Structure formats: C-alpha cells, structure tokens
Protein backbone atom coordinates (compact mmCIF):
# COMPACT_ATOMS: atom_id res chain seq x y z
CA MET A 1 69.25 97.55 114.06
CA LYS A 2 72.32 98.28 116.16
CA LYS A 3 74.26 101.52 115.70
CA VAL A 4 77.99 101.06 115.47
CA GLU A 5 80.38 103.59 117.00
CA ILE A 6 83.65 101.73 116.33
CA LEU A 7 84.27 99.80 113.11
CA ILE A 8 87.13 97.29 113.01
CA ILE A 9 88.45 95.91 109.73
CA SER A 10 90.91 93.05 110.18
CA ASN A 11 91.09 89.31 109.48
CA LYS A 12 89.99 86.39 111.59
CA LEU A 13 93.50 85.28 112.62
CA ASP A 14 94.80 88.66 113.78
CA PHE A 15 95.64 88.34 117.48
CA GLY A 16 96.17 92.06 117.93
CA THR A 17 92.58 92.66 116.91
CA ASP A 18 91.48 90.01 119.41
CA TYR A 19 93.09 92.09 122.17
CA ILE A 20 91.27 95.19 120.92
CA CYS A 21 87.88 93.48 120.80
CA LEU A 22 88.25 92.01 124.30
CA GLU A 23 89.17 95.42 125.69
CA LEU A 24 86.24 97.12 123.93
CA GLU A 25 83.88 94.51 125.37
CA LYS A 26 85.18 95.30 128.86
CA ARG A 27 84.27 98.93 128.19
CA ASN A 28 80.83 98.04 126.80
CA SER A 29 81.72 99.88 123.59
CA SER A 30 79.51 99.57 120.52
CA TYR A 31 81.81 98.03 117.91
CA LEU A 32 81.63 95.78 114.87
CA ARG A 33 84.49 93.62 113.63
CA LEU A 34 84.55 92.80 109.93
CA ASN A 35 87.16 90.30 108.78
CA ARG A 36 88.46 90.83 105.27
CA ASP A 37 88.69 87.09 104.66
CA GLU A 38 85.02 86.60 105.60
CA PHE A 39 83.32 89.35 103.60
CA ALA A 40 81.41 86.82 101.50
CA GLN A 41 79.62 85.71 104.69
CA TYR A 42 78.19 89.19 105.31
CA GLU A 43 75.35 91.06 103.63
CA VAL A 44 76.67 94.55 102.89
CA VAL A 45 74.94 97.63 101.47
CA LEU A 46 76.75 100.95 101.32
CA ASP A 47 74.40 103.87 100.64
CA VAL A 48 76.85 106.36 99.15
CA ASN A 49 74.41 109.29 99.06
CA ARG A 50 73.32 108.93 102.69
CA LEU A 51 76.77 107.84 103.89
CA GLU A 52 75.36 104.77 105.62
CA LEU A 53 76.76 101.26 105.66
CA LEU A 54 74.30 98.46 106.46
CA VAL A 55 75.79 95.10 107.43
CA LYS A 56 74.10 91.83 108.34
CA VAL A 57 76.26 89.38 110.29
CA ASP A 58 74.83 86.10 111.59
CA SER A 59 71.24 87.42 111.34
CA LYS A 60 72.15 90.59 113.27
CA ASN A 61 71.77 93.96 111.54
CA TYR A 62 74.15 96.88 112.03
CA ILE A 63 74.13 100.45 110.78
CA ILE A 64 77.28 102.50 110.39
CA SER A 65 76.73 106.16 109.59
CA GLU A 66 78.88 109.25 109.27
CA LYS A 67 76.94 110.83 112.15
CA SER A 68 77.34 108.10 114.77
CA LEU A 69 80.68 106.49 113.82
CA LYS A 70 83.51 107.58 116.14
CA SER A 71 86.44 105.64 114.73
CA ILE A 72 87.68 102.98 112.31
CA TYR A 73 90.48 100.57 113.18
CA TYR A 74 91.97 99.48 109.87
CA ARG A 75 94.29 96.56 110.57
CA ALA A 76 95.67 95.69 107.16
CA PRO A 77 98.37 96.67 104.68
CA ILE A 78 97.31 98.40 101.48
CA TYR A 79 99.45 96.49 99.02
CA LEU A 80 98.08 93.03 98.20
CA ARG A 81 101.17 90.89 97.73
CA ASP A 82 99.57 87.63 96.64
CA ILE A 83 96.89 88.55 94.09
CA TYR A 84 98.52 86.88 91.13
CA LYS A 85 99.21 83.20 91.57
CA PRO A 86 98.66 80.51 88.97
CA ASN A 87 96.42 78.52 91.31
CA ILE A 88 93.99 81.35 92.19
CA ASP A 89 90.75 81.07 90.24
CA MET A 90 88.78 84.00 88.86
CA GLU A 91 86.28 84.15 91.75
CA GLU A 92 89.09 84.34 94.31
CA GLN A 93 90.83 87.07 92.32
CA LEU A 94 87.58 89.06 92.19
CA PHE A 95 87.03 88.53 95.92
CA ARG A 96 90.48 89.86 96.80
CA THR A 97 90.64 92.81 94.44
CA GLN A 98 87.07 94.09 94.75
CA TRP A 99 86.72 93.79 98.52
CA THR A 100 90.08 95.49 98.90
CA ALA A 101 88.76 98.33 96.73
CA PHE A 102 85.57 98.41 98.82
CA VAL A 103 87.50 98.80 102.07
CA ARG A 104 89.71 101.45 100.51
CA ASN A 105 86.61 103.38 99.46
CA LEU A 106 85.35 103.46 103.03
CA THR A 107 87.50 106.57 103.25
CA ILE A 108 84.30 108.37 102.23
CA PHE A 109 83.72 108.29 106.01
CA GLU A 110 85.87 111.32 106.76
CA SER A 111 84.57 112.40 110.19
CA PRO A 112 85.62 109.32 112.22
CA LYS A 113 89.17 108.94 113.49
CA TRP A 114 91.07 106.36 111.44
CA VAL A 115 93.77 104.12 112.89
CA ASN A 116 95.12 104.34 110.21
CA ASN A 117 93.51 105.92 107.19
CA PRO A 118 94.28 103.68 104.16
CA ILE A 119 95.44 106.73 102.18
CA ALA A 120 98.06 107.51 104.84
CA THR A 121 98.98 103.83 105.12
CA PHE A 122 99.53 103.64 101.37
CA MET A 123 102.01 106.52 101.50
CA ALA A 124 103.72 105.32 104.69
CA GLU A 125 104.36 101.83 103.31
CA ASN A 126 106.90 103.27 100.88
CA LYS A 127 110.24 102.58 102.56
CA LEU A 128 112.24 105.09 100.55
CA LEU A 129 109.82 107.91 101.34
CA GLN A 130 110.10 106.98 105.01
CA LEU A 131 113.87 107.33 104.86
CA LYS A 132 113.64 110.67 103.05
CA TYR A 133 111.26 112.14 105.64
CA ALA A 134 113.20 110.67 108.57
CA GLU A 135 116.44 112.24 107.37
CA GLU A 136 114.70 115.59 106.79
CA LEU A 137 113.47 115.45 110.40
CA GLY A 138 117.01 114.94 111.71
CA PHE A 139 117.20 111.17 112.12
CA LEU A 140 120.45 109.42 111.33
CA VAL A 141 119.82 106.90 108.54
CA PRO A 142 122.16 104.27 107.06
CA ASN A 143 123.58 104.83 103.58
CA THR A 144 120.94 103.21 101.39
CA TYR A 145 120.94 102.03 97.77
CA VAL A 146 118.21 100.43 95.68
CA THR A 147 119.71 98.48 92.82
CA ASN A 148 119.52 95.47 90.51
CA THR A 149 123.24 95.40 89.77
CA ASN A 150 126.21 94.01 91.70
CA LYS A 151 128.53 96.74 90.39
CA LEU A 152 128.17 99.09 93.36
CA GLN A 153 131.23 100.87 94.73
CA LEU A 154 131.32 99.25 98.17
CA ASP A 155 133.95 99.26 100.89
CA GLU A 156 135.77 95.92 101.02
CA ASN A 157 135.82 95.88 104.82
CA ASP A 158 132.21 96.88 105.49
CA LEU A 159 129.19 94.69 106.09
CA TYR A 160 125.80 95.41 104.54
CA ILE A 161 122.14 94.61 105.06
CA ALA A 162 120.32 93.29 102.00
CA LYS A 163 116.51 93.33 102.12
CA SER A 164 113.47 93.48 99.87
CA LEU A 165 112.03 96.83 98.82
CA ASP A 166 108.58 95.64 99.87
CA THR A 167 107.51 92.82 102.17
CA ALA A 168 108.24 89.65 100.20
CA VAL A 169 106.00 86.67 100.92
CA LEU A 170 106.60 83.92 98.38
CA ARG A 171 105.29 80.42 97.69
CA VAL A 172 108.10 77.82 97.71
CA ASP A 173 107.34 74.12 97.30
CA GLY A 174 103.74 74.71 98.36
CA GLN A 175 104.69 76.57 101.54
CA GLU A 176 104.71 80.26 102.40
CA ALA A 177 108.21 81.75 102.61
CA PHE A 178 109.14 85.13 104.11
CA ILE A 179 112.33 86.93 103.10
CA TYR A 180 114.22 88.35 106.08
CA SER A 181 116.91 91.02 106.04
CA ASN A 182 120.33 89.42 105.51
CA LEU A 183 123.77 90.44 106.72
CA VAL A 184 126.17 90.20 103.77
CA SER A 185 129.70 91.18 102.78
CA SER A 186 130.68 93.32 99.80
CA GLU A 187 132.10 90.18 98.16
CA GLU A 188 128.76 88.39 98.45
CA ILE A 189 127.03 91.34 96.80
CA ARG A 190 129.59 91.38 93.96
CA ASN A 191 129.03 87.68 93.33
CA ALA A 192 125.23 87.83 93.50
CA SER A 193 122.85 87.90 90.53
CA LEU A 194 120.55 90.83 91.22
CA GLU A 195 119.08 91.55 87.79
CA ILE A 196 115.62 90.09 88.36
CA SER A 197 114.34 92.67 90.88
CA PRO A 198 115.43 95.77 92.80
CA LEU A 199 117.09 95.17 96.16
CA VAL A 200 117.70 97.48 99.13
CA ILE A 201 121.30 97.54 100.35
CA GLN A 202 122.21 99.48 103.49
CA ASN A 203 125.42 99.94 105.42
CA TYR A 204 125.31 97.69 108.48
CA ILE A 205 125.34 99.69 111.69
CA GLY A 206 127.63 98.38 114.45
CA THR A 207 128.27 94.90 115.79
CA ALA A 208 126.18 92.69 118.04
CA SER A 209 128.23 93.69 121.09
CA HIS A 210 127.55 97.40 120.55
CA LYS A 211 124.37 97.54 118.44
CA VAL A 212 120.87 97.10 119.85
CA ASP A 213 117.59 96.88 117.93
CA ILE A 214 114.77 99.05 119.24
CA ARG A 215 111.06 98.79 118.53
CA VAL A 216 109.02 101.94 119.16
CA THR A 217 105.24 101.53 119.08
CA ILE A 218 103.40 104.86 118.83
CA ILE A 219 99.72 105.54 119.43
CA GLU A 220 99.15 109.23 118.66
CA GLU A 221 101.43 110.99 121.16
CA GLU A 222 102.27 108.03 123.41
CA LEU A 223 105.40 105.94 122.83
CA PHE A 224 106.23 102.43 124.00
CA SER A 225 109.93 101.64 123.52
CA VAL A 226 111.74 98.33 124.00
CA ARG A 227 115.30 97.16 123.51
CA ILE A 228 115.51 93.74 121.85
CA LEU A 229 118.19 91.58 123.47
CA LYS A 230 119.41 88.02 123.54
CA ASP A 231 121.45 86.95 126.57
CA GLY A 232 121.69 90.65 127.41
CA MET A 233 123.33 91.51 124.07
CA GLY A 234 122.31 92.94 120.73
CA ILE A 235 121.55 90.58 117.85
CA ASN A 236 123.48 90.42 114.59
CA GLY A 237 121.35 90.78 111.47
CA ASP A 238 117.56 90.44 111.54
CA TRP A 239 116.39 89.82 115.12
CA ARG A 240 113.16 88.22 113.81
CA ARG A 241 115.20 85.12 112.93
CA GLU A 242 115.85 84.51 116.61
CA LYS A 243 113.22 82.65 118.61
CA ASN A 244 114.81 81.62 121.89
CA ASN A 245 115.86 83.72 124.87
CA ILE A 246 114.86 87.06 123.34
CA GLU A 247 114.09 89.76 125.86
CA TYR A 248 112.05 92.89 125.17
CA ARG A 249 113.18 95.39 127.79
CA GLU A 250 111.13 98.56 128.15
CA PHE A 251 113.04 101.84 128.44
CA LYS A 252 112.54 105.57 127.92
CA LEU A 253 113.83 107.05 124.68
CA LYS A 254 115.64 110.35 124.76
CA ASP A 255 113.25 113.29 124.44
CA GLU A 256 114.97 114.35 121.22
CA ILE A 257 114.32 110.96 119.58
CA GLN A 258 110.75 110.84 120.89
CA SER A 259 110.11 114.22 119.29
CA LYS A 260 111.45 113.01 115.94
CA CYS A 261 109.27 109.88 116.10
CA ARG A 262 106.16 111.98 116.72
CA SER A 263 107.10 114.40 113.94
CA LEU A 264 107.50 111.51 111.49
CA MET A 265 104.06 110.18 112.45
CA LYS A 266 102.51 113.58 111.77
CA ARG A 267 104.39 113.95 108.49
CA LEU A 268 102.95 110.61 107.35
CA GLY A 269 99.46 111.30 108.73
CA LEU A 270 99.47 108.25 111.03
CA ASN A 271 97.78 107.66 114.39
CA PHE A 272 99.58 104.34 114.85
CA GLY A 273 103.05 103.26 113.81
CA ALA A 274 105.79 100.77 114.67
CA ILE A 275 109.28 102.23 114.21
CA ASP A 276 112.48 100.19 114.05
CA LEU A 277 115.63 101.93 115.27
CA ILE A 278 119.20 100.85 115.95
CA GLU A 279 121.12 102.16 118.95
CA PHE A 280 124.89 102.24 118.36
CA ASN A 281 127.53 104.09 120.39
CA GLY A 282 124.88 106.29 121.98
CA GLN A 283 123.33 107.27 118.64
CA PHE A 284 119.99 106.23 117.17
CA PHE A 285 119.59 105.27 113.52
CA PHE A 286 116.22 105.09 111.78
CA LEU A 287 115.51 101.92 109.77
CA GLU A 288 111.81 101.99 108.92
CA ILE A 289 108.24 102.57 110.11
CA ASN A 290 105.40 100.11 109.63
CA PRO A 291 101.91 101.69 109.67
CA THR A 292 100.33 98.28 110.32
CA GLY A 293 103.15 96.83 112.42
CA GLU A 294 102.68 93.90 114.79
CA TRP A 295 102.49 94.69 118.50
CA ALA A 296 100.43 91.93 120.17
CA TRP A 297 103.49 89.97 121.36
CA LEU A 298 104.62 92.99 123.42
CA VAL A 299 101.46 92.92 125.55
CA GLU A 300 102.61 89.71 127.25
CA SER A 301 106.38 89.71 126.73
CA ALA A 302 106.96 93.30 127.87
CA GLN A 303 103.72 93.97 129.77
CA LEU A 304 102.88 96.94 127.56
CA PRO A 305 99.21 98.06 127.53
CA ILE A 306 99.26 98.91 123.82
CA HIS A 307 95.75 97.53 123.25
CA GLU A 308 94.36 99.76 125.99
CA ARG A 309 95.86 102.89 124.43
CA ILE A 310 94.50 102.00 120.99
CA CYS A 311 91.05 101.53 122.55
CA ASP A 312 91.36 104.91 124.28
CA ILE A 313 91.67 106.50 120.84
CA LEU A 314 88.93 104.40 119.25
CA ALA A 315 86.47 105.13 122.06
CA GLY A 316 87.25 108.83 121.93
C-alpha cells in the first residue's frame, strides 16, 4: 500500500492539473490524483476516527493519513452551478451532491497545506465580499451595484459593465453557454428587463486606448503579473471574448499594489489566487479574485513557471 504525501483533487480534463502532475513526476514526489468526475471508478474508505483515507485506483492501493500527508491541491470551485437540470437523473444528482460533500469534508485533514482549503474558497468566491475587503485594504474599486431593477440613477454619458453575480454557465439549445461581462450604456440598462435575477453593474474604467487589463497570479508570497494586450493596446469590455493576437506581457507590479494583493490573499485565507485588475492613468483598480482561477495558458503564452511554484508549495 503506497503512502501518499500530496493529494490532488481535480477533474480529468483540467490542463493545469496535468502540468502539476508532470512536474511532480519529475521530482519523484509521492502524489495521488483523484478526479471528481471519476469517483465512481475508485474504491474509497475514509476512516474518520483514525484520520486515514484508503483509495483503490486501477488495482493499486493508496493510504492517505494525517501524519504523512503534506499537502492537498484542491482544483475546483465550491459552488456547483449545474446540479438542477431537468435531464439529470437521480443517480447523477446523488453522484454530484454527495461526492462534493465528501470532498468538502476532507477538511478534517487539518495538518496538510491546502491549495486552497474549500472553506476559504467558499468565502473567497463571494464577489461582493472580495470588493469589500479590497477597498478596506486600500484598493481602488469601481462603483458597484447589485440590482434587479433598471431604475438606477446613472450618468447619461458613462459606460457600465454588466456581469453576473456568480459564474453563469447555462444550457442553450443543447449547448453550454457562458455569460461574459458586457459593456453597456445607461440607456441600455434603462431599457433592459432585469427582474428575473440580480445583476452586477459597475462603472466602466477608462477606454481601450488608456485602460489595460492585468492578471495577477499569486502563489503564497510570489506574484506573476501580465498585461493583456491586443495589437499593443488595451481591450474594450471583456478580454476573454478576444481570441486572436492577444499578448500576455509580463511586468513587475508596483510594490504598493503587490503588498495589497498579498494582504487580500491573507484576509481570504488563500494560498493561491488569480486577481483581475485594471490599469488606467497610472492607477490600479481591483475587479475580482478567483480562488480557483485558470493559469495554465500563461505557462506557454507568457513563459511563466506557475506550475513549478505550486509544486514547490505542495512538496514543502
């Protein structure tokens, strides 16, 4: 029975986790990857009293104990956003809800280092709490409203960002649809029907010629910062809509902003986070932090060794 020092909880199509596993293999680290979408293929016994998790995968037996486990890499959001669908049968609903609860209860392993602890992830996924803490720590934040009415007192000449309060992945005509942030005018908001659900509306910061999106990936104390550009310029609206000619240019954030990023991580109890900022007229505005944010594309596009730094933490 093999002792596991690093436990990885992800899913089988997560490329970031692939980077982590390849790096751990280079280091000859003792790790076990469990994919949330393949739990039914494993034999799992959690001995609560002895704090031991026994797992059988492809006829191989592993033991995970409080004494020998160094770290847990938890690569998943806490909120399940697709539990209720008319076409999901009872067994699938049980699979999703109960295995999610099982993984959440692995927080009984308190000695290992979590990246990130699901309890901290749960708190950090609340966008409004993020904004509150960021402003308390001295970040500039856009004026933000959460509403289901179009009767807001908005400036006629300003532009606004409209986005979902939580990540919105919908099923439309049998296909998965993701709702991006949208750049809208005050007139569009006034003419919109917003009653069905709350919506986040923020003042739009800058213009494409003066505004630049920034992604800051943080692993404990280390920061990797990139400016996101297209043809050397900033991008209007949600940069994730753009696919061609995007450049991720590494740069060093001001020490003052770095300090605020680290303070926010500590306030939220995170060891990993992906922060979105906007740079406008020499100032930096906080938009949000994602405790399970994507980073794998930056390994190749910006030559950032993010996977190596995560493995440094996991291996202790």
